[in-house]
ModelCIF file with pLDDT and N, C-alpha, C, O atoms, coordinates in Angstrom:
data_MODEL
#
_entry.id   MODEL 
#
_entity.id                         1 
_entity.type                       polymer 
_entity.pdbx_number_of_molecules   1 
#
_entity_poly.entity_id                      1 
_entity_poly.type                           'polypeptide(L)' 
_entity_poly.nstd_linkage                   no 
_entity_poly.nstd_monomer                   no 
_entity_poly.pdbx_seq_one_letter_code       IANGLLYWWPSVCDCQLTLYGLTCLGPAGDFDFNPEVNDTERRE 
_entity_poly.pdbx_seq_one_letter_code_can   IANGLLYWWPSVCDCQLTLYGLTCLGPAGDFDFNPEVNDTERRE 
_entity_poly.pdbx_strand_id                 A 
#
loop_
_entity_poly_seq.entity_id 
_entity_poly_seq.num 
_entity_poly_seq.mon_id 
_entity_poly_seq.hetero 
1 1  ILE n 
1 2  ALA n 
1 3  ASN n 
1 4  GLY n 
1 5  LEU n 
1 6  LEU n 
1 7  TYR n 
1 8  TRP n 
1 9  TRP n 
1 10 PRO n 
1 11 SER n 
1 12 VAL n 
1 13 CYS n 
1 14 ASP n 
1 15 CYS n 
1 16 GLN n 
1 17 LEU n 
1 18 THR n 
1 19 LEU n 
1 20 TYR n 
1 21 GLY n 
1 22 LEU n 
1 23 THR n 
1 24 CYS n 
1 25 LEU n 
1 26 GLY n 
1 27 PRO n 
1 28 ALA n 
1 29 GLY n 
1 30 ASP n 
1 31 PHE n 
1 32 ASP n 
1 33 PHE n 
1 34 ASN n 
1 35 PRO n 
1 36 GLU n 
1 37 VAL n 
1 38 ASN n 
1 39 ASP n 
1 40 THR n 
1 41 GLU n 
1 42 ARG n 
1 43 ARG n 
1 44 GLU n 
#
_struct_asym.id          A 
_struct_asym.entity_id   1 
#
loop_
_ma_qa_metric.id 
_ma_qa_metric.mode 
_ma_qa_metric.name 
_ma_qa_metric.software_group_id 
_ma_qa_metric.type 
1 global pLDDT . pLDDT 
2 local  pLDDT . pLDDT 
#
_ma_qa_metric_global.metric_id      1 
_ma_qa_metric_global.metric_value   84.80 
_ma_qa_metric_global.model_id       1 
_ma_qa_metric_global.ordinal_id     1 
#
loop_
_ma_qa_metric_local.label_asym_id 
_ma_qa_metric_local.label_comp_id 
_ma_qa_metric_local.label_seq_id 
_ma_qa_metric_local.metric_id 
_ma_qa_metric_local.metric_value 
_ma_qa_metric_local.model_id 
_ma_qa_metric_local.ordinal_id 
A ILE 1  2 95.00 1 1  
A ALA 2  2 95.00 1 2  
A ASN 3  2 92.00 1 3  
A GLY 4  2 91.00 1 4  
A LEU 5  2 95.00 1 5  
A LEU 6  2 94.00 1 6  
A TYR 7  2 94.00 1 7  
A TRP 8  2 91.00 1 8  
A TRP 9  2 89.00 1 9  
A PRO 10 2 83.00 1 10 
A SER 11 2 75.00 1 11 
A VAL 12 2 69.00 1 12 
A CYS 13 2 66.00 1 13 
A ASP 14 2 59.00 1 14 
A CYS 15 2 55.00 1 15 
A GLN 16 2 52.00 1 16 
A LEU 17 2 51.00 1 17 
A THR 18 2 60.00 1 18 
A LEU 19 2 72.00 1 19 
A TYR 20 2 75.00 1 20 
A GLY 21 2 82.00 1 21 
A LEU 22 2 89.00 1 22 
A THR 23 2 90.00 1 23 
A CYS 24 2 93.00 1 24 
A LEU 25 2 92.00 1 25 
A GLY 26 2 91.00 1 26 
A PRO 27 2 89.00 1 27 
A ALA 28 2 89.00 1 28 
A GLY 29 2 89.00 1 29 
A ASP 30 2 93.00 1 30 
A PHE 31 2 93.00 1 31 
A ASP 32 2 94.00 1 32 
A PHE 33 2 94.00 1 33 
A ASN 34 2 92.00 1 34 
A PRO 35 2 92.00 1 35 
A GLU 36 2 89.00 1 36 
A VAL 37 2 91.00 1 37 
A ASN 38 2 87.00 1 38 
A ASP 39 2 87.00 1 39 
A THR 40 2 87.00 1 40 
A GLU 41 2 91.00 1 41 
A ARG 42 2 95.00 1 42 
A ARG 43 2 95.00 1 43 
A GLU 44 2 94.00 1 44 
#
loop_
_atom_site.group_PDB 
_atom_site.id 
_atom_site.type_symbol 
_atom_site.label_atom_id 
_atom_site.label_alt_id 
_atom_site.label_comp_id 
_atom_site.label_asym_id 
_atom_site.label_entity_id 
_atom_site.label_seq_id 
_atom_site.pdbx_PDB_ins_code 
_atom_site.Cartn_x 
_atom_site.Cartn_y 
_atom_site.Cartn_z 
_atom_site.occupancy 
_atom_site.B_iso_or_equiv 
_atom_site.pdbx_formal_charge 
_atom_site.auth_seq_id 
_atom_site.auth_comp_id 
_atom_site.auth_asym_id 
_atom_site.auth_atom_id 
_atom_site.pdbx_PDB_model_num 
ATOM 1   N N  . ILE A 1 1  ? 0.863   -1.179  0.000   1.00 95.00 ? 1  ILE A N  1 
ATOM 2   C CA . ILE A 1 1  ? 0.000   0.000   0.000   1.00 95.00 ? 1  ILE A CA 1 
ATOM 3   C C  . ILE A 1 1  ? 0.899   1.229   0.000   1.00 95.00 ? 1  ILE A C  1 
ATOM 4   O O  . ILE A 1 1  ? 1.618   1.472   0.969   1.00 95.00 ? 1  ILE A O  1 
ATOM 5   N N  . ALA A 1 2  ? 0.864   2.011   -1.090  1.00 95.00 ? 2  ALA A N  1 
ATOM 6   C CA . ALA A 1 2  ? 1.741   3.171   -1.205  1.00 95.00 ? 2  ALA A CA 1 
ATOM 7   C C  . ALA A 1 2  ? 1.181   4.127   -2.254  1.00 95.00 ? 2  ALA A C  1 
ATOM 8   O O  . ALA A 1 2  ? 0.532   3.702   -3.209  1.00 95.00 ? 2  ALA A O  1 
ATOM 9   N N  . ASN A 1 3  ? 1.433   5.402   -2.070  1.00 92.00 ? 3  ASN A N  1 
ATOM 10  C CA . ASN A 1 3  ? 1.058   6.430   -3.057  1.00 92.00 ? 3  ASN A CA 1 
ATOM 11  C C  . ASN A 1 3  ? -0.445  6.480   -3.315  1.00 92.00 ? 3  ASN A C  1 
ATOM 12  O O  . ASN A 1 3  ? -0.876  6.929   -4.377  1.00 92.00 ? 3  ASN A O  1 
ATOM 13  N N  . GLY A 1 4  ? -1.238  6.027   -2.358  1.00 91.00 ? 4  GLY A N  1 
ATOM 14  C CA . GLY A 1 4  ? -2.678  5.968   -2.592  1.00 91.00 ? 4  GLY A CA 1 
ATOM 15  C C  . GLY A 1 4  ? -3.096  4.841   -3.508  1.00 91.00 ? 4  GLY A C  1 
ATOM 16  O O  . GLY A 1 4  ? -4.239  4.813   -3.966  1.00 91.00 ? 4  GLY A O  1 
ATOM 17  N N  . LEU A 1 5  ? -2.189  3.900   -3.791  1.00 95.00 ? 5  LEU A N  1 
ATOM 18  C CA . LEU A 1 5  ? -2.447  2.802   -4.722  1.00 95.00 ? 5  LEU A CA 1 
ATOM 19  C C  . LEU A 1 5  ? -2.170  1.475   -4.038  1.00 95.00 ? 5  LEU A C  1 
ATOM 20  O O  . LEU A 1 5  ? -1.567  1.430   -2.965  1.00 95.00 ? 5  LEU A O  1 
ATOM 21  N N  . LEU A 1 6  ? -2.616  0.392   -4.668  1.00 94.00 ? 6  LEU A N  1 
ATOM 22  C CA . LEU A 1 6  ? -2.363  -0.966  -4.195  1.00 94.00 ? 6  LEU A CA 1 
ATOM 23  C C  . LEU A 1 6  ? -1.511  -1.690  -5.231  1.00 94.00 ? 6  LEU A C  1 
ATOM 24  O O  . LEU A 1 6  ? -1.764  -1.591  -6.432  1.00 94.00 ? 6  LEU A O  1 
ATOM 25  N N  . TYR A 1 7  ? -0.494  -2.424  -4.756  1.00 94.00 ? 7  TYR A N  1 
ATOM 26  C CA . TYR A 1 7  ? 0.423   -3.131  -5.657  1.00 94.00 ? 7  TYR A CA 1 
ATOM 27  C C  . TYR A 1 7  ? 0.465   -4.608  -5.293  1.00 94.00 ? 7  TYR A C  1 
ATOM 28  O O  . TYR A 1 7  ? 0.556   -4.976  -4.122  1.00 94.00 ? 7  TYR A O  1 
ATOM 29  N N  . TRP A 1 8  ? 0.395   -5.449  -6.327  1.00 91.00 ? 8  TRP A N  1 
ATOM 30  C CA . TRP A 1 8  ? 0.621   -6.891  -6.180  1.00 91.00 ? 8  TRP A CA 1 
ATOM 31  C C  . TRP A 1 8  ? 1.885   -7.222  -6.956  1.00 91.00 ? 8  TRP A C  1 
ATOM 32  O O  . TRP A 1 8  ? 1.950   -7.011  -8.167  1.00 91.00 ? 8  TRP A O  1 
ATOM 33  N N  . TRP A 1 9  ? 2.901   -7.750  -6.248  1.00 89.00 ? 9  TRP A N  1 
ATOM 34  C CA . TRP A 1 9  ? 4.159   -8.097  -6.895  1.00 89.00 ? 9  TRP A CA 1 
ATOM 35  C C  . TRP A 1 9  ? 4.048   -9.474  -7.529  1.00 89.00 ? 9  TRP A C  1 
ATOM 36  O O  . TRP A 1 9  ? 3.191   -10.266 -7.138  1.00 89.00 ? 9  TRP A O  1 
ATOM 37  N N  . PRO A 1 10 ? 4.911   -9.775  -8.512  1.00 83.00 ? 10 PRO A N  1 
ATOM 38  C CA . PRO A 1 10 ? 4.831   -11.076 -9.183  1.00 83.00 ? 10 PRO A CA 1 
ATOM 39  C C  . PRO A 1 10 ? 4.914   -12.237 -8.196  1.00 83.00 ? 10 PRO A C  1 
ATOM 40  O O  . PRO A 1 10 ? 5.745   -12.238 -7.288  1.00 83.00 ? 10 PRO A O  1 
ATOM 41  N N  . SER A 1 11 ? 4.055   -13.208 -8.385  1.00 75.00 ? 11 SER A N  1 
ATOM 42  C CA . SER A 1 11 ? 4.015   -14.404 -7.549  1.00 75.00 ? 11 SER A CA 1 
ATOM 43  C C  . SER A 1 11 ? 4.392   -15.601 -8.401  1.00 75.00 ? 11 SER A C  1 
ATOM 44  O O  . SER A 1 11 ? 3.877   -15.770 -9.506  1.00 75.00 ? 11 SER A O  1 
ATOM 45  N N  . VAL A 1 12 ? 5.289   -16.432 -7.891  1.00 69.00 ? 12 VAL A N  1 
ATOM 46  C CA . VAL A 1 12 ? 5.764   -17.577 -8.664  1.00 69.00 ? 12 VAL A CA 1 
ATOM 47  C C  . VAL A 1 12 ? 4.957   -18.833 -8.361  1.00 69.00 ? 12 VAL A C  1 
ATOM 48  O O  . VAL A 1 12 ? 5.240   -19.894 -8.919  1.00 69.00 ? 12 VAL A O  1 
ATOM 49  N N  . CYS A 1 13 ? 3.970   -18.734 -7.497  1.00 66.00 ? 13 CYS A N  1 
ATOM 50  C CA . CYS A 1 13 ? 3.180   -19.906 -7.133  1.00 66.00 ? 13 CYS A CA 1 
ATOM 51  C C  . CYS A 1 13 ? 2.244   -20.271 -8.279  1.00 66.00 ? 13 CYS A C  1 
ATOM 52  O O  . CYS A 1 13 ? 1.608   -19.402 -8.875  1.00 66.00 ? 13 CYS A O  1 
ATOM 53  N N  . ASP A 1 14 ? 2.165   -21.578 -8.583  1.00 59.00 ? 14 ASP A N  1 
ATOM 54  C CA . ASP A 1 14 ? 1.258   -22.013 -9.645  1.00 59.00 ? 14 ASP A CA 1 
ATOM 55  C C  . ASP A 1 14 ? 0.129   -22.883 -9.090  1.00 59.00 ? 14 ASP A C  1 
ATOM 56  O O  . ASP A 1 14 ? -0.410  -23.733 -9.798  1.00 59.00 ? 14 ASP A O  1 
ATOM 57  N N  . CYS A 1 15 ? -0.225  -22.666 -7.824  1.00 55.00 ? 15 CYS A N  1 
ATOM 58  C CA . CYS A 1 15 ? -1.208  -23.536 -7.190  1.00 55.00 ? 15 CYS A CA 1 
ATOM 59  C C  . CYS A 1 15 ? -2.612  -23.273 -7.686  1.00 55.00 ? 15 CYS A C  1 
ATOM 60  O O  . CYS A 1 15 ? -3.485  -24.125 -7.523  1.00 55.00 ? 15 CYS A O  1 
ATOM 61  N N  . GLN A 1 16 ? -2.862  -22.111 -8.293  1.00 52.00 ? 16 GLN A N  1 
ATOM 62  C CA . GLN A 1 16 ? -4.178  -21.840 -8.859  1.00 52.00 ? 16 GLN A CA 1 
ATOM 63  C C  . GLN A 1 16 ? -4.042  -20.707 -9.867  1.00 52.00 ? 16 GLN A C  1 
ATOM 64  O O  . GLN A 1 16 ? -3.043  -19.989 -9.881  1.00 52.00 ? 16 GLN A O  1 
ATOM 65  N N  . LEU A 1 17 ? -5.042  -20.561 -10.694 1.00 51.00 ? 17 LEU A N  1 
ATOM 66  C CA . LEU A 1 17 ? -5.029  -19.492 -11.687 1.00 51.00 ? 17 LEU A CA 1 
ATOM 67  C C  . LEU A 1 17 ? -4.950  -18.137 -11.001 1.00 51.00 ? 17 LEU A C  1 
ATOM 68  O O  . LEU A 1 17 ? -5.648  -17.889 -10.018 1.00 51.00 ? 17 LEU A O  1 
ATOM 69  N N  . THR A 1 18 ? -4.098  -17.264 -11.523 1.00 60.00 ? 18 THR A N  1 
ATOM 70  C CA . THR A 1 18 ? -3.965  -15.934 -10.953 1.00 60.00 ? 18 THR A CA 1 
ATOM 71  C C  . THR A 1 18 ? -3.677  -14.965 -12.084 1.00 60.00 ? 18 THR A C  1 
ATOM 72  O O  . THR A 1 18 ? -3.530  -15.374 -13.235 1.00 60.00 ? 18 THR A O  1 
ATOM 73  N N  . LEU A 1 19 ? -3.597  -13.690 -11.762 1.00 72.00 ? 19 LEU A N  1 
ATOM 74  C CA . LEU A 1 19 ? -3.196  -12.680 -12.732 1.00 72.00 ? 19 LEU A CA 1 
ATOM 75  C C  . LEU A 1 19 ? -1.715  -12.435 -12.521 1.00 72.00 ? 19 LEU A C  1 
ATOM 76  O O  . LEU A 1 19 ? -1.315  -11.895 -11.489 1.00 72.00 ? 19 LEU A O  1 
ATOM 77  N N  . TYR A 1 20 ? -0.900  -12.824 -13.486 1.00 75.00 ? 20 TYR A N  1 
ATOM 78  C CA . TYR A 1 20 ? 0.544   -12.810 -13.306 1.00 75.00 ? 20 TYR A CA 1 
ATOM 79  C C  . TYR A 1 20 ? 1.132   -11.436 -13.628 1.00 75.00 ? 20 TYR A C  1 
ATOM 80  O O  . TYR A 1 20 ? 0.527   -10.625 -14.329 1.00 75.00 ? 20 TYR A O  1 
ATOM 81  N N  . GLY A 1 21 ? 2.332   -11.203 -13.093 1.00 82.00 ? 21 GLY A N  1 
ATOM 82  C CA . GLY A 1 21 ? 3.017   -9.939  -13.325 1.00 82.00 ? 21 GLY A CA 1 
ATOM 83  C C  . GLY A 1 21 ? 2.771   -8.964  -12.199 1.00 82.00 ? 21 GLY A C  1 
ATOM 84  O O  . GLY A 1 21 ? 2.151   -9.304  -11.192 1.00 82.00 ? 21 GLY A O  1 
ATOM 85  N N  . LEU A 1 22 ? 3.262   -7.745  -12.373 1.00 89.00 ? 22 LEU A N  1 
ATOM 86  C CA . LEU A 1 22 ? 3.070   -6.683  -11.398 1.00 89.00 ? 22 LEU A CA 1 
ATOM 87  C C  . LEU A 1 22 ? 1.772   -5.956  -11.707 1.00 89.00 ? 22 LEU A C  1 
ATOM 88  O O  . LEU A 1 22 ? 1.570   -5.492  -12.829 1.00 89.00 ? 22 LEU A O  1 
ATOM 89  N N  . THR A 1 23 ? 0.897   -5.856  -10.726 1.00 90.00 ? 23 THR A N  1 
ATOM 90  C CA . THR A 1 23 ? -0.419  -5.252  -10.924 1.00 90.00 ? 23 THR A CA 1 
ATOM 91  C C  . THR A 1 23 ? -0.592  -4.072  -9.987  1.00 90.00 ? 23 THR A C  1 
ATOM 92  O O  . THR A 1 23 ? -0.232  -4.139  -8.812  1.00 90.00 ? 23 THR A O  1 
ATOM 93  N N  . CYS A 1 24 ? -1.148  -2.982  -10.520 1.00 93.00 ? 24 CYS A N  1 
ATOM 94  C CA . CYS A 1 24 ? -1.382  -1.773  -9.726  1.00 93.00 ? 24 CYS A CA 1 
ATOM 95  C C  . CYS A 1 24 ? -2.834  -1.351  -9.869  1.00 93.00 ? 24 CYS A C  1 
ATOM 96  O O  . CYS A 1 24 ? -3.354  -1.243  -10.980 1.00 93.00 ? 24 CYS A O  1 
ATOM 97  N N  . LEU A 1 25 ? -3.482  -1.112  -8.739  1.00 92.00 ? 25 LEU A N  1 
ATOM 98  C CA . LEU A 1 25 ? -4.867  -0.651  -8.722  1.00 92.00 ? 25 LEU A CA 1 
ATOM 99  C C  . LEU A 1 25 ? -4.938  0.744   -8.119  1.00 92.00 ? 25 LEU A C  1 
ATOM 100 O O  . LEU A 1 25 ? -4.226  1.060   -7.166  1.00 92.00 ? 25 LEU A O  1 
ATOM 101 N N  . GLY A 1 26 ? -5.805  1.570   -8.686  1.00 91.00 ? 26 GLY A N  1 
ATOM 102 C CA . GLY A 1 26 ? -6.053  2.909   -8.169  1.00 91.00 ? 26 GLY A CA 1 
ATOM 103 C C  . GLY A 1 26 ? -7.525  3.088   -7.858  1.00 91.00 ? 26 GLY A C  1 
ATOM 104 O O  . GLY A 1 26 ? -8.338  2.236   -8.216  1.00 91.00 ? 26 GLY A O  1 
ATOM 105 N N  . PRO A 1 27 ? -7.886  4.189   -7.194  1.00 89.00 ? 27 PRO A N  1 
ATOM 106 C CA . PRO A 1 27 ? -9.293  4.432   -6.852  1.00 89.00 ? 27 PRO A CA 1 
ATOM 107 C C  . PRO A 1 27 ? -10.169 4.563   -8.103  1.00 89.00 ? 27 PRO A C  1 
ATOM 108 O O  . PRO A 1 27 ? -9.775  5.199   -9.080  1.00 89.00 ? 27 PRO A O  1 
ATOM 109 N N  . ALA A 1 28 ? -11.347 3.962   -8.063  1.00 89.00 ? 28 ALA A N  1 
ATOM 110 C CA . ALA A 1 28 ? -12.277 4.048   -9.191  1.00 89.00 ? 28 ALA A CA 1 
ATOM 111 C C  . ALA A 1 28 ? -13.069 5.341   -9.181  1.00 89.00 ? 28 ALA A C  1 
ATOM 112 O O  . ALA A 1 28 ? -13.590 5.754   -10.217 1.00 89.00 ? 28 ALA A O  1 
ATOM 113 N N  . GLY A 1 29 ? -13.170 5.991   -8.021  1.00 89.00 ? 29 GLY A N  1 
ATOM 114 C CA . GLY A 1 29 ? -13.938 7.223   -7.951  1.00 89.00 ? 29 GLY A CA 1 
ATOM 115 C C  . GLY A 1 29 ? -15.393 6.996   -8.293  1.00 89.00 ? 29 GLY A C  1 
ATOM 116 O O  . GLY A 1 29 ? -16.004 6.038   -7.820  1.00 89.00 ? 29 GLY A O  1 
ATOM 117 N N  . ASP A 1 30 ? -15.957 7.876   -9.120  1.00 93.00 ? 30 ASP A N  1 
ATOM 118 C CA . ASP A 1 30 ? -17.371 7.761   -9.477  1.00 93.00 ? 30 ASP A CA 1 
ATOM 119 C C  . ASP A 1 30 ? -17.552 7.159   -10.871 1.00 93.00 ? 30 ASP A C  1 
ATOM 120 O O  . ASP A 1 30 ? -18.529 7.452   -11.560 1.00 93.00 ? 30 ASP A O  1 
ATOM 121 N N  . PHE A 1 31 ? -16.594 6.309   -11.280 1.00 93.00 ? 31 PHE A N  1 
ATOM 122 C CA . PHE A 1 31 ? -16.682 5.713   -12.615 1.00 93.00 ? 31 PHE A CA 1 
ATOM 123 C C  . PHE A 1 31 ? -17.977 4.914   -12.758 1.00 93.00 ? 31 PHE A C  1 
ATOM 124 O O  . PHE A 1 31 ? -18.355 4.158   -11.863 1.00 93.00 ? 31 PHE A O  1 
ATOM 125 N N  . ASP A 1 32 ? -18.650 5.092   -13.895 1.00 94.00 ? 32 ASP A N  1 
ATOM 126 C CA . ASP A 1 32 ? -19.904 4.389   -14.180 1.00 94.00 ? 32 ASP A CA 1 
ATOM 127 C C  . ASP A 1 32 ? -19.586 3.034   -14.799 1.00 94.00 ? 32 ASP A C  1 
ATOM 128 O O  . ASP A 1 32 ? -19.236 2.950   -15.976 1.00 94.00 ? 32 ASP A O  1 
ATOM 129 N N  . PHE A 1 33 ? -19.710 1.969   -13.998 1.00 94.00 ? 33 PHE A N  1 
ATOM 130 C CA . PHE A 1 33 ? -19.400 0.633   -14.489 1.00 94.00 ? 33 PHE A CA 1 
ATOM 131 C C  . PHE A 1 33 ? -20.529 0.030   -15.329 1.00 94.00 ? 33 PHE A C  1 
ATOM 132 O O  . PHE A 1 33 ? -20.336 -1.014  -15.952 1.00 94.00 ? 33 PHE A O  1 
ATOM 133 N N  . ASN A 1 34 ? -21.676 0.655   -15.355 1.00 92.00 ? 34 ASN A N  1 
ATOM 134 C CA . ASN A 1 34 ? -22.816 0.113   -16.093 1.00 92.00 ? 34 ASN A CA 1 
ATOM 135 C C  . ASN A 1 34 ? -23.425 1.208   -16.969 1.00 92.00 ? 34 ASN A C  1 
ATOM 136 O O  . ASN A 1 34 ? -24.572 1.600   -16.755 1.00 92.00 ? 34 ASN A O  1 
ATOM 137 N N  . PRO A 1 35 ? -22.671 1.706   -17.951 1.00 92.00 ? 35 PRO A N  1 
ATOM 138 C CA . PRO A 1 35 ? -23.177 2.807   -18.771 1.00 92.00 ? 35 PRO A CA 1 
ATOM 139 C C  . PRO A 1 35 ? -24.230 2.327   -19.769 1.00 92.00 ? 35 PRO A C  1 
ATOM 140 O O  . PRO A 1 35 ? -24.241 1.166   -20.179 1.00 92.00 ? 35 PRO A O  1 
ATOM 141 N N  . GLU A 1 36 ? -25.095 3.230   -20.139 1.00 89.00 ? 36 GLU A N  1 
ATOM 142 C CA . GLU A 1 36 ? -26.061 2.926   -21.185 1.00 89.00 ? 36 GLU A CA 1 
ATOM 143 C C  . GLU A 1 36 ? -25.338 2.904   -22.526 1.00 89.00 ? 36 GLU A C  1 
ATOM 144 O O  . GLU A 1 36 ? -24.560 3.809   -22.829 1.00 89.00 ? 36 GLU A O  1 
ATOM 145 N N  . VAL A 1 37 ? -25.588 1.881   -23.325 1.00 91.00 ? 37 VAL A N  1 
ATOM 146 C CA . VAL A 1 37 ? -24.900 1.721   -24.600 1.00 91.00 ? 37 VAL A CA 1 
ATOM 147 C C  . VAL A 1 37 ? -25.689 2.434   -25.694 1.00 91.00 ? 37 VAL A C  1 
ATOM 148 O O  . VAL A 1 37 ? -26.849 2.111   -25.953 1.00 91.00 ? 37 VAL A O  1 
ATOM 149 N N  . ASN A 1 38 ? -25.046 3.400   -26.325 1.00 87.00 ? 38 ASN A N  1 
ATOM 150 C CA . ASN A 1 38 ? -25.630 4.093   -27.468 1.00 87.00 ? 38 ASN A CA 1 
ATOM 151 C C  . ASN A 1 38 ? -25.075 3.447   -28.727 1.00 87.00 ? 38 ASN A C  1 
ATOM 152 O O  . ASN A 1 38 ? -23.904 3.620   -29.063 1.00 87.00 ? 38 ASN A O  1 
ATOM 153 N N  . ASP A 1 39 ? -25.918 2.710   -29.410 1.00 87.00 ? 39 ASP A N  1 
ATOM 154 C CA . ASP A 1 39 ? -25.474 1.928   -30.560 1.00 87.00 ? 39 ASP A CA 1 
ATOM 155 C C  . ASP A 1 39 ? -24.861 2.810   -31.640 1.00 87.00 ? 39 ASP A C  1 
ATOM 156 O O  . ASP A 1 39 ? -23.871 2.425   -32.262 1.00 87.00 ? 39 ASP A O  1 
ATOM 157 N N  . THR A 1 40 ? -25.431 3.981   -31.868 1.00 87.00 ? 40 THR A N  1 
ATOM 158 C CA . THR A 1 40 ? -24.911 4.839   -32.928 1.00 87.00 ? 40 THR A CA 1 
ATOM 159 C C  . THR A 1 40 ? -23.553 5.424   -32.576 1.00 87.00 ? 40 THR A C  1 
ATOM 160 O O  . THR A 1 40 ? -22.758 5.709   -33.472 1.00 87.00 ? 40 THR A O  1 
ATOM 161 N N  . GLU A 1 41 ? -23.268 5.609   -31.284 1.00 91.00 ? 41 GLU A N  1 
ATOM 162 C CA . GLU A 1 41 ? -21.964 6.126   -30.870 1.00 91.00 ? 41 GLU A CA 1 
ATOM 163 C C  . GLU A 1 41 ? -20.894 5.032   -30.851 1.00 91.00 ? 41 GLU A C  1 
ATOM 164 O O  . GLU A 1 41 ? -19.727 5.303   -31.133 1.00 91.00 ? 41 GLU A O  1 
ATOM 165 N N  . ARG A 1 42 ? -21.281 3.816   -30.524 1.00 95.00 ? 42 ARG A N  1 
ATOM 166 C CA . ARG A 1 42 ? -20.306 2.724   -30.401 1.00 95.00 ? 42 ARG A CA 1 
ATOM 167 C C  . ARG A 1 42 ? -19.943 2.102   -31.752 1.00 95.00 ? 42 ARG A C  1 
ATOM 168 O O  . ARG A 1 42 ? -18.847 1.566   -31.917 1.00 95.00 ? 42 ARG A O  1 
ATOM 169 N N  . ARG A 1 43 ? -20.857 2.173   -32.709 1.00 95.00 ? 43 ARG A N  1 
ATOM 170 C CA . ARG A 1 43 ? -20.670 1.420   -33.958 1.00 95.00 ? 43 ARG A CA 1 
ATOM 171 C C  . ARG A 1 43 ? -20.286 2.346   -35.100 1.00 95.00 ? 43 ARG A C  1 
ATOM 172 O O  . ARG A 1 43 ? -20.872 3.412   -35.286 1.00 95.00 ? 43 ARG A O  1 
ATOM 173 N N  . GLU A 1 44 ? -19.288 1.913   -35.860 1.00 94.00 ? 44 GLU A N  1 
ATOM 174 C CA . GLU A 1 44 ? -18.911 2.598   -37.093 1.00 94.00 ? 44 GLU A CA 1 
ATOM 175 C C  . GLU A 1 44 ? -19.260 1.683   -38.253 1.00 94.00 ? 44 GLU A C  1 
ATOM 176 O O  . GLU A 1 44 ? -19.035 2.040   -39.410 1.00 94.00 ? 44 GLU A O  1 
#
């Protein structure tokens, strides 16, 4: 836990599926995880 962020360092254990490598998470804030999809804006 540092800089207001969370860090997961590489793990060499293969006992179960994981997300490999160095991973950094930051605050999501007010991000809309379920936005309304506008077909005309998304499609070209």
